[in-house]
N, C-alpha and C. Protein backbone atom coordinates (compact mmCIF):
# COMPACT_ATOMS: atom_id res chain seq x y z
N MET A 1 19.87 -0.48 -19.27
CA MET A 1 18.84 -0.91 -20.14
C MET A 1 17.66 0.06 -19.94
N ASP A 2 16.91 0.37 -20.90
CA ASP A 2 16.05 1.51 -20.92
C ASP A 2 14.55 0.69 -20.42
N ALA A 3 13.90 1.31 -19.70
CA ALA A 3 12.55 0.91 -18.92
C ALA A 3 11.41 1.05 -19.94
N PRO A 4 10.77 0.28 -20.22
CA PRO A 4 9.54 0.44 -21.28
C PRO A 4 8.69 1.86 -20.88
N ARG A 5 8.18 2.12 -22.00
CA ARG A 5 7.53 3.46 -21.99
C ARG A 5 6.38 3.46 -20.70
N GLY A 6 6.48 4.37 -20.06
CA GLY A 6 5.43 4.48 -18.82
C GLY A 6 5.82 3.66 -17.79
N MET A 7 6.95 3.22 -17.81
CA MET A 7 7.61 2.21 -16.43
C MET A 7 8.62 3.04 -16.10
N SER A 8 8.90 2.91 -14.81
CA SER A 8 10.10 3.24 -14.18
C SER A 8 11.26 2.43 -14.02
N SER A 9 12.45 2.83 -14.30
CA SER A 9 13.64 1.84 -14.21
C SER A 9 14.00 1.39 -12.77
N VAL A 10 13.45 1.81 -11.76
CA VAL A 10 13.49 1.59 -10.37
C VAL A 10 12.95 0.29 -10.19
N LEU A 11 13.72 -0.43 -9.39
CA LEU A 11 13.26 -2.00 -8.89
C LEU A 11 12.13 -1.58 -7.94
N THR A 12 11.05 -2.33 -8.08
CA THR A 12 9.95 -2.26 -7.24
C THR A 12 9.77 -3.41 -6.27
N VAL A 13 9.86 -3.60 -5.22
CA VAL A 13 9.45 -4.83 -4.29
C VAL A 13 8.11 -4.83 -3.79
N ASP A 14 7.25 -5.60 -4.02
CA ASP A 14 5.87 -5.48 -3.31
C ASP A 14 6.02 -6.32 -1.93
N GLY A 15 5.81 -5.37 -0.98
CA GLY A 15 5.92 -5.76 0.47
C GLY A 15 4.66 -6.06 0.97
N ASP A 16 3.52 -6.07 0.37
CA ASP A 16 2.44 -6.22 0.68
C ASP A 16 1.71 -7.46 0.66
N ALA A 17 2.46 -8.57 0.57
CA ALA A 17 1.87 -9.90 0.43
C ALA A 17 1.10 -10.19 1.37
N HIS A 18 0.11 -11.08 1.12
CA HIS A 18 -0.73 -11.50 2.44
C HIS A 18 -0.84 -12.89 2.50
N VAL A 19 -0.71 -13.45 3.70
CA VAL A 19 -0.67 -14.81 4.08
C VAL A 19 -1.85 -15.27 4.76
N ILE A 20 -2.71 -16.39 4.53
CA ILE A 20 -3.89 -16.63 4.98
C ILE A 20 -3.50 -18.03 5.76
N GLU A 21 -3.55 -17.79 6.97
CA GLU A 21 -3.17 -19.02 7.82
C GLU A 21 -4.44 -19.81 8.12
N PRO A 22 -4.23 -21.07 8.12
CA PRO A 22 -5.65 -21.80 8.72
C PRO A 22 -6.02 -21.34 9.95
N PRO A 23 -7.25 -21.37 10.37
CA PRO A 23 -7.64 -20.70 11.68
C PRO A 23 -7.19 -21.39 12.90
N ASP A 24 -6.67 -22.64 12.74
CA ASP A 24 -6.16 -23.64 13.74
C ASP A 24 -4.65 -23.61 13.91
N LEU A 25 -4.18 -22.65 13.01
CA LEU A 25 -2.59 -22.96 12.86
C LEU A 25 -1.82 -22.99 14.30
N TRP A 26 -2.21 -22.13 15.21
CA TRP A 26 -1.45 -22.07 16.35
C TRP A 26 -2.00 -22.72 17.49
N THR A 27 -3.48 -22.83 17.48
CA THR A 27 -3.96 -23.63 18.53
C THR A 27 -3.65 -25.05 18.56
N THR A 28 -3.62 -25.57 17.43
CA THR A 28 -3.17 -27.03 17.20
C THR A 28 -1.75 -27.55 17.24
N ARG A 29 -0.99 -26.33 17.30
CA ARG A 29 0.50 -26.62 17.06
C ARG A 29 1.41 -26.15 18.61
N MET A 30 0.78 -25.52 19.25
CA MET A 30 1.48 -24.88 20.48
C MET A 30 1.09 -25.58 21.64
N ASP A 31 1.78 -25.56 22.63
CA ASP A 31 1.50 -26.40 23.94
C ASP A 31 0.61 -25.50 24.72
N ALA A 32 -0.46 -25.81 25.07
CA ALA A 32 -1.58 -25.09 25.80
C ALA A 32 -1.20 -25.19 27.24
N ASP A 33 -0.55 -25.93 27.78
CA ASP A 33 -0.19 -25.92 29.30
C ASP A 33 0.84 -24.75 29.31
N ARG A 34 1.81 -24.71 28.39
CA ARG A 34 3.03 -23.94 28.46
C ARG A 34 2.53 -22.30 28.17
N TRP A 35 1.77 -22.27 26.96
CA TRP A 35 1.52 -20.92 26.57
C TRP A 35 0.21 -20.40 26.93
N GLY A 36 -1.03 -21.43 27.32
CA GLY A 36 -2.17 -20.87 27.75
C GLY A 36 -2.68 -19.65 26.70
N ASP A 37 -3.11 -18.63 27.28
CA ASP A 37 -3.84 -17.73 26.54
C ASP A 37 -2.96 -16.89 25.74
N TRP A 38 -1.63 -17.16 25.71
CA TRP A 38 -0.66 -16.37 24.85
C TRP A 38 -0.74 -17.07 23.29
N ILE A 39 -1.43 -18.17 23.08
CA ILE A 39 -1.55 -18.84 21.73
C ILE A 39 -2.58 -17.85 20.95
N PRO A 40 -1.91 -17.27 19.81
CA PRO A 40 -2.85 -16.64 18.88
C PRO A 40 -3.93 -17.42 18.49
N ARG A 41 -5.16 -16.69 18.57
CA ARG A 41 -6.37 -17.46 18.24
C ARG A 41 -7.25 -16.53 17.62
N ARG A 42 -8.18 -17.01 16.74
CA ARG A 42 -9.51 -16.10 16.34
C ARG A 42 -10.64 -16.61 16.95
N SER A 43 -11.53 -15.77 17.41
CA SER A 43 -12.83 -16.03 18.28
C SER A 43 -14.04 -16.03 17.23
N GLY A 44 -14.76 -17.06 17.31
CA GLY A 44 -15.96 -16.98 16.48
C GLY A 44 -15.94 -16.88 14.99
N GLY A 45 -14.87 -17.13 14.40
CA GLY A 45 -14.72 -17.30 12.99
C GLY A 45 -14.72 -15.95 12.47
N GLY A 46 -14.26 -15.02 13.34
CA GLY A 46 -14.03 -13.63 12.89
C GLY A 46 -12.50 -13.10 12.40
N ASP A 47 -12.39 -11.78 11.99
CA ASP A 47 -11.19 -11.49 11.66
C ASP A 47 -10.27 -11.26 12.78
N THR A 48 -10.64 -11.01 13.86
CA THR A 48 -9.90 -10.59 14.97
C THR A 48 -8.88 -11.39 15.53
N LEU A 49 -7.56 -11.30 15.56
CA LEU A 49 -6.61 -12.17 16.57
C LEU A 49 -6.29 -11.75 17.69
N TYR A 50 -6.70 -12.64 18.59
CA TYR A 50 -6.41 -12.61 20.07
C TYR A 50 -5.14 -13.14 20.48
N VAL A 51 -4.29 -12.34 21.34
CA VAL A 51 -2.97 -12.97 21.86
C VAL A 51 -3.05 -12.30 23.31
N GLY A 52 -2.97 -13.28 24.20
CA GLY A 52 -2.83 -12.96 25.83
C GLY A 52 -4.05 -12.43 26.24
N GLY A 53 -5.25 -12.71 25.51
CA GLY A 53 -6.64 -12.34 25.85
C GLY A 53 -6.94 -10.96 25.19
N VAL A 54 -6.12 -10.41 24.65
CA VAL A 54 -6.32 -8.98 24.09
C VAL A 54 -6.36 -9.01 22.30
N ALA A 55 -7.21 -8.44 21.89
CA ALA A 55 -7.33 -8.23 20.46
C ALA A 55 -6.29 -7.55 19.94
N ARG A 56 -5.48 -8.27 19.14
CA ARG A 56 -4.29 -7.65 18.50
C ARG A 56 -4.49 -6.94 17.19
N GLY A 57 -5.50 -7.06 16.43
CA GLY A 57 -5.55 -6.58 15.23
C GLY A 57 -6.64 -7.37 14.10
N SER A 58 -7.13 -6.69 13.31
CA SER A 58 -7.88 -7.30 12.22
C SER A 58 -7.96 -6.22 11.17
N GLY A 59 -8.63 -6.68 10.04
CA GLY A 59 -8.59 -5.86 8.70
C GLY A 59 -9.65 -4.79 9.21
N LYS A 60 -10.66 -5.12 10.04
CA LYS A 60 -11.70 -3.97 10.12
C LYS A 60 -11.07 -2.86 11.14
N GLU A 61 -10.20 -3.20 12.12
CA GLU A 61 -9.61 -2.37 12.96
C GLU A 61 -8.54 -1.42 12.30
N ALA A 62 -8.08 -1.96 11.38
CA ALA A 62 -6.99 -1.25 10.46
C ALA A 62 -7.85 -0.24 9.72
N VAL A 63 -8.77 -0.47 8.94
CA VAL A 63 -9.51 0.53 8.38
C VAL A 63 -10.29 1.50 9.22
N ALA A 64 -10.70 1.15 10.37
CA ALA A 64 -10.98 2.22 11.26
C ALA A 64 -10.15 3.09 11.75
N ALA A 65 -9.13 2.55 12.01
CA ALA A 65 -7.88 3.40 12.55
C ALA A 65 -7.52 4.32 11.25
N MET A 66 -7.54 3.81 10.07
CA MET A 66 -6.98 4.84 8.81
C MET A 66 -8.32 5.89 8.85
N ALA A 67 -9.41 5.63 8.98
CA ALA A 67 -10.51 6.54 8.85
C ALA A 67 -10.48 7.59 9.93
N ARG A 68 -10.20 7.09 11.29
CA ARG A 68 -9.73 8.09 12.17
C ARG A 68 -8.76 8.99 12.03
N LEU A 69 -7.58 8.58 11.41
CA LEU A 69 -6.51 9.26 11.03
C LEU A 69 -6.57 10.22 10.04
N THR A 70 -7.43 9.90 9.17
CA THR A 70 -7.48 10.81 8.03
C THR A 70 -8.77 11.62 7.78
N GLY A 71 -9.74 11.41 9.05
CA GLY A 71 -10.83 12.13 9.21
C GLY A 71 -11.88 11.86 8.10
N GLN A 72 -11.73 10.78 7.46
CA GLN A 72 -12.64 10.42 6.40
C GLN A 72 -13.41 9.14 7.01
N PRO A 73 -14.90 9.24 6.60
CA PRO A 73 -15.80 8.21 6.97
C PRO A 73 -15.31 6.71 6.28
N ILE A 74 -15.23 5.50 6.87
CA ILE A 74 -14.93 4.32 6.71
C ILE A 74 -15.58 4.05 5.35
N GLU A 75 -16.83 4.35 4.84
CA GLU A 75 -17.26 4.14 3.47
C GLU A 75 -16.62 4.90 2.38
N ALA A 76 -16.31 6.18 2.72
CA ALA A 76 -15.50 6.96 1.69
C ALA A 76 -13.99 6.13 1.41
N LEU A 77 -13.49 5.62 2.52
CA LEU A 77 -12.29 4.92 2.08
C LEU A 77 -12.54 3.60 1.31
N GLN A 78 -13.52 2.81 1.82
CA GLN A 78 -13.63 1.65 0.97
C GLN A 78 -14.26 1.79 -0.23
N SER A 79 -14.75 3.03 -0.60
CA SER A 79 -15.34 3.14 -1.98
C SER A 79 -14.16 3.46 -3.00
N GLN A 80 -12.89 3.73 -2.45
CA GLN A 80 -11.89 3.97 -3.31
C GLN A 80 -11.05 2.75 -3.74
N TRP A 81 -11.43 1.51 -3.08
CA TRP A 81 -10.77 0.43 -3.36
C TRP A 81 -11.62 -0.43 -4.40
N PRO A 82 -10.67 -1.19 -5.16
CA PRO A 82 -11.34 -2.01 -6.16
C PRO A 82 -12.28 -3.18 -5.58
N SER A 83 -13.40 -3.62 -6.13
CA SER A 83 -14.24 -4.53 -5.62
C SER A 83 -13.89 -5.90 -6.04
């Protein structure tokens, strides 16, 4: 079967799906006596996820890391994204 004009015949799978969990997903479902600080949680309504008392990641941290790795200011990266 021929691909439509301008399209590739290669099967593309989008692996960049996003899941937005409710903020209390883990804190209301995991045994606090057993897991304690290892229960994933967000603090103060922010984007950062904490596990074991350590910040494990957020969108802002990922953008900052990308800026560091590419040597570009964060604003330059953000200006390339659709609004």
